[in-house]
């Protein structure tokens, strides 16, 4: 599991955009987003850098990532 901190998410539109960005890299990924804490938890076999890049390209800077 990967946990990303995505500070600029603020609404359900942001959640949808980030989710689509992750699924664009790994369509089988399980994405759980906690908007108040701005954490994105992802169960995936894809490369963390690819997922981070996709989220950044979607317009949301990733401030940290942790592989759990």
Protein backbone atom coordinates (compact mmCIF):
# COMPACT_ATOMS: atom_id res chain seq x y z
CA UNK A 1 0.00 0.00 0.00
CA UNK A 2 1.10 3.53 -0.80
CA UNK A 3 0.06 6.57 1.22
CA UNK A 4 0.38 9.95 -0.49
CA UNK A 5 -0.14 13.39 1.00
CA UNK A 6 -1.92 15.59 -1.55
CA UNK A 7 -2.41 18.97 0.11
CA UNK A 8 -4.37 20.83 -2.57
CA UNK A 9 -7.41 18.53 -2.61
CA UNK A 10 -10.44 20.39 -1.29
CA UNK A 11 -13.64 18.93 -2.79
CA UNK A 12 -15.28 15.91 -4.37
CA UNK A 13 -14.12 17.07 -7.82
CA UNK A 14 -10.51 16.88 -6.57
CA UNK A 15 -11.14 13.38 -5.23
CA UNK A 16 -12.50 12.26 -8.60
CA UNK A 17 -9.62 13.79 -10.53
CA UNK A 18 -6.97 12.18 -8.30
CA UNK A 19 -8.78 8.83 -8.42
CA UNK A 20 -8.93 8.92 -12.23
CA UNK A 21 -5.23 9.82 -12.38
CA UNK A 22 -4.34 6.77 -10.28
CA UNK A 23 -6.64 4.46 -12.24
CA UNK A 24 -5.06 5.74 -15.45
CA UNK A 25 -1.79 4.19 -14.30
CA UNK A 26 -3.27 1.05 -12.73
CA UNK A 27 -6.89 0.31 -13.57
CA UNK A 28 -6.97 -2.41 -10.90
CA UNK A 29 -5.78 -0.13 -8.09
CA UNK A 30 -7.92 0.37 -5.00
CA UNK A 31 -8.00 4.07 -4.11
CA UNK A 32 -9.20 5.42 -0.76
CA UNK A 33 -9.08 9.19 -0.27
CA UNK A 34 -9.59 10.90 3.07
CA UNK A 35 -10.30 14.50 2.12
CA UNK A 36 -10.01 16.06 5.62
CA UNK A 37 -6.49 14.64 6.11
CA UNK A 38 -5.68 14.98 2.38
CA UNK A 39 -4.33 11.42 2.30
CA UNK A 40 -4.59 9.10 -0.66
CA UNK A 41 -4.20 5.40 0.17
CA UNK A 42 -3.60 3.18 -2.82
CA UNK A 43 -3.33 -0.59 -3.11
CA UNK A 44 -1.40 -1.10 -6.33
CA UNK A 45 1.41 -2.98 -7.98
CA UNK A 46 2.32 0.02 -10.13
CA UNK A 47 5.44 2.08 -9.59
CA UNK A 48 4.93 4.80 -6.96
CA UNK A 49 6.77 7.34 -9.10
CA UNK A 50 4.39 6.72 -12.01
CA UNK A 51 1.36 7.25 -9.78
CA UNK A 52 2.87 10.36 -8.22
CA UNK A 53 3.67 11.77 -11.67
CA UNK A 54 0.10 11.12 -12.86
CA UNK A 55 -1.36 12.95 -9.86
CA UNK A 56 1.02 15.87 -10.37
CA UNK A 57 0.13 16.01 -14.08
CA UNK A 58 -3.54 16.15 -13.05
CA UNK A 59 -2.71 19.34 -11.13
CA UNK A 60 -2.26 18.13 -7.58
CA UNK A 61 1.19 18.36 -5.99
CA UNK A 62 2.19 15.38 -3.87
CA UNK A 63 4.02 16.53 -0.74
CA UNK A 64 5.03 13.10 0.57
CA UNK A 65 4.73 9.40 -0.10
CA UNK A 66 5.10 6.37 2.11
CA UNK A 67 5.09 2.71 1.14
CA UNK A 68 3.42 0.67 3.86
